[in-house]
């Protein structure tokens, strides 16, 4: 999913008040986490995932892996926090600005 810079700015501003609801630890990303993140994206559309110090890989690798496996747009990687967006298929709430 490709977002315009205007849409990315909009989503980043919405994500400021959100707390991370998932953590990636030393085991990395597993299929159970991916399934849980997909479920959370369906409900919330915009979520944060934090990367713990114990994670062995780079934060860029983690962000890319999670966004690819969940088919979500990587909105932002700031510090050790990943912001993901994927519109809900059943009940979309967030209205993105037009391109």
Foldseek 3Di string as FASTA:
>chain_A
DDDDPQQLVVLVVVCPPADADEEAACVGDDPVNLVVVLVVCLVPQKHKYFYDPRHPDDLVVNQVVSCVSSVWDFSDCDDRMTITGDAHPPDGDDDGDDD
